[in-house]
Amino acid sequence: MKWISKKNKNSLIVLIIIILFIAGLLDIKYEGLFFQLLPKSIQSYLANIF
């Protein structure tokens, strides 16, 4: 990671965090793998929200 400057490294980390957050929301919305691993009570609660 020597080729990435400190400023670019921080923006890259923020971009990765945003992408993971959006991926998590889409997984919950479309009931993907992560959603299916959750307990049924949490699944029903999240299904009511989304």
N, C-alpha and C. Protein backbone atom coordinates (compact mmCIF):
# COMPACT_ATOMS: atom_id res chain seq x y z
N MET A 1 0.83 -1.19 0.00
CA MET A 1 0.00 0.00 0.00
C MET A 1 0.87 1.26 0.00
N LYS A 2 2.13 1.08 -0.35
CA LYS A 2 3.02 2.22 -0.37
C LYS A 2 2.67 3.18 -1.49
N TRP A 3 2.06 2.68 -2.54
CA TRP A 3 1.73 3.51 -3.70
C TRP A 3 0.51 4.39 -3.46
N ILE A 4 -0.22 4.18 -2.36
CA ILE A 4 -1.39 5.00 -2.04
C ILE A 4 -0.98 6.04 -1.01
N SER A 5 -1.25 7.29 -1.29
CA SER A 5 -0.93 8.33 -0.32
C SER A 5 -1.90 8.27 0.85
N LYS A 6 -1.57 8.95 1.94
CA LYS A 6 -2.40 8.90 3.14
C LYS A 6 -3.80 9.45 2.88
N LYS A 7 -3.88 10.52 2.09
CA LYS A 7 -5.19 11.10 1.77
C LYS A 7 -6.03 10.12 0.97
N ASN A 8 -5.42 9.50 -0.03
CA ASN A 8 -6.15 8.54 -0.85
C ASN A 8 -6.51 7.28 -0.07
N LYS A 9 -5.67 6.89 0.88
CA LYS A 9 -5.94 5.71 1.69
C LYS A 9 -7.18 5.94 2.55
N ASN A 10 -7.30 7.13 3.12
CA ASN A 10 -8.48 7.44 3.95
C ASN A 10 -9.75 7.46 3.11
N SER A 11 -9.69 8.03 1.94
CA SER A 11 -10.88 8.08 1.09
C SER A 11 -11.22 6.68 0.58
N LEU A 12 -10.23 5.83 0.35
CA LEU A 12 -10.47 4.46 -0.07
C LEU A 12 -11.16 3.67 1.04
N ILE A 13 -10.72 3.86 2.26
CA ILE A 13 -11.34 3.16 3.40
C ILE A 13 -12.79 3.61 3.57
N VAL A 14 -13.04 4.90 3.45
CA VAL A 14 -14.41 5.41 3.56
C VAL A 14 -15.28 4.85 2.45
N LEU A 15 -14.76 4.78 1.24
CA LEU A 15 -15.50 4.23 0.11
C LEU A 15 -15.84 2.75 0.34
N ILE A 16 -14.90 1.98 0.85
CA ILE A 16 -15.15 0.57 1.13
C ILE A 16 -16.21 0.40 2.21
N ILE A 17 -16.17 1.22 3.24
CA ILE A 17 -17.17 1.16 4.31
C ILE A 17 -18.56 1.49 3.77
N ILE A 18 -18.66 2.50 2.91
CA ILE A 18 -19.95 2.87 2.33
C ILE A 18 -20.49 1.74 1.45
N ILE A 19 -19.61 1.13 0.67
CA ILE A 19 -20.04 0.02 -0.21
C ILE A 19 -20.53 -1.16 0.63
N LEU A 20 -19.83 -1.49 1.71
CA LEU A 20 -20.26 -2.59 2.58
C LEU A 20 -21.59 -2.29 3.26
N PHE A 21 -21.80 -1.04 3.65
CA PHE A 21 -23.06 -0.65 4.27
C PHE A 21 -24.22 -0.79 3.29
N ILE A 22 -24.03 -0.32 2.08
CA ILE A 22 -25.07 -0.44 1.05
C ILE A 22 -25.33 -1.90 0.72
N ALA A 23 -24.27 -2.70 0.64
CA ALA A 23 -24.43 -4.13 0.36
C ALA A 23 -25.22 -4.81 1.47
N GLY A 24 -24.97 -4.42 2.71
CA GLY A 24 -25.71 -4.98 3.84
C GLY A 24 -27.19 -4.63 3.78
N LEU A 25 -27.48 -3.37 3.45
CA LEU A 25 -28.89 -2.96 3.34
C LEU A 25 -29.59 -3.69 2.20
N LEU A 26 -28.91 -3.86 1.09
CA LEU A 26 -29.52 -4.58 -0.04
C LEU A 26 -29.71 -6.06 0.30
N ASP A 27 -28.78 -6.62 1.06
CA ASP A 27 -28.93 -8.02 1.48
C ASP A 27 -30.16 -8.19 2.36
N ILE A 28 -30.38 -7.26 3.25
CA ILE A 28 -31.56 -7.34 4.11
C ILE A 28 -32.83 -7.13 3.29
N LYS A 29 -32.80 -6.16 2.39
CA LYS A 29 -33.99 -5.86 1.60
C LYS A 29 -34.41 -7.03 0.73
N TYR A 30 -33.43 -7.68 0.09
CA TYR A 30 -33.75 -8.77 -0.83
C TYR A 30 -33.58 -10.15 -0.18
N GLU A 31 -33.47 -10.16 1.15
CA GLU A 31 -33.40 -11.39 1.95
C GLU A 31 -32.31 -12.32 1.44
N GLY A 32 -31.10 -11.82 1.42
CA GLY A 32 -29.95 -12.58 0.94
C GLY A 32 -29.38 -13.51 2.00
N LEU A 33 -28.13 -13.90 1.80
CA LEU A 33 -27.49 -14.89 2.65
C LEU A 33 -27.37 -14.42 4.10
N PHE A 34 -26.89 -13.20 4.32
CA PHE A 34 -26.76 -12.69 5.68
C PHE A 34 -28.11 -12.66 6.38
N PHE A 35 -29.13 -12.22 5.67
CA PHE A 35 -30.48 -12.16 6.23
C PHE A 35 -30.96 -13.54 6.65
N GLN A 36 -30.68 -14.56 5.85
CA GLN A 36 -31.14 -15.91 6.15
C GLN A 36 -30.41 -16.52 7.33
N LEU A 37 -29.22 -16.02 7.65
CA LEU A 37 -28.47 -16.53 8.79
C LEU A 37 -28.97 -15.96 10.12
N LEU A 38 -29.76 -14.90 10.06
CA LEU A 38 -30.28 -14.29 11.28
C LEU A 38 -31.40 -15.14 11.87
N PRO A 39 -31.63 -15.03 13.20
CA PRO A 39 -32.76 -15.74 13.81
C PRO A 39 -34.09 -15.26 13.24
N LYS A 40 -35.10 -16.12 13.30
CA LYS A 40 -36.41 -15.82 12.71
C LYS A 40 -37.04 -14.56 13.30
N SER A 41 -36.84 -14.33 14.59
CA SER A 41 -37.45 -13.15 15.22
C SER A 41 -36.87 -11.86 14.64
N ILE A 42 -35.57 -11.86 14.43
CA ILE A 42 -34.92 -10.67 13.85
C ILE A 42 -35.31 -10.54 12.38
N GLN A 43 -35.44 -11.66 11.67
CA GLN A 43 -35.86 -11.62 10.27
C GLN A 43 -37.24 -10.99 10.13
N SER A 44 -38.17 -11.38 10.98
CA SER A 44 -39.51 -10.82 10.88
C SER A 44 -39.51 -9.34 11.23
N TYR A 45 -38.69 -8.93 12.20
CA TYR A 45 -38.60 -7.51 12.56
C TYR A 45 -38.04 -6.70 11.40
N LEU A 46 -36.96 -7.20 10.77
CA LEU A 46 -36.37 -6.49 9.64
C LEU A 46 -37.28 -6.48 8.43
N ALA A 47 -38.02 -7.56 8.23
CA ALA A 47 -38.95 -7.64 7.09
C ALA A 47 -40.05 -6.59 7.24
N ASN A 48 -40.47 -6.32 8.47
CA ASN A 48 -41.50 -5.30 8.69
C ASN A 48 -40.95 -3.90 8.43
N ILE A 49 -39.67 -3.68 8.70
CA ILE A 49 -39.07 -2.36 8.49
C ILE A 49 -38.89 -2.11 6.99
N PHE A 50 -38.36 -3.08 6.28
CA PHE A 50 -38.10 -2.91 4.86
C PHE A 50 -39.28 -3.42 4.08
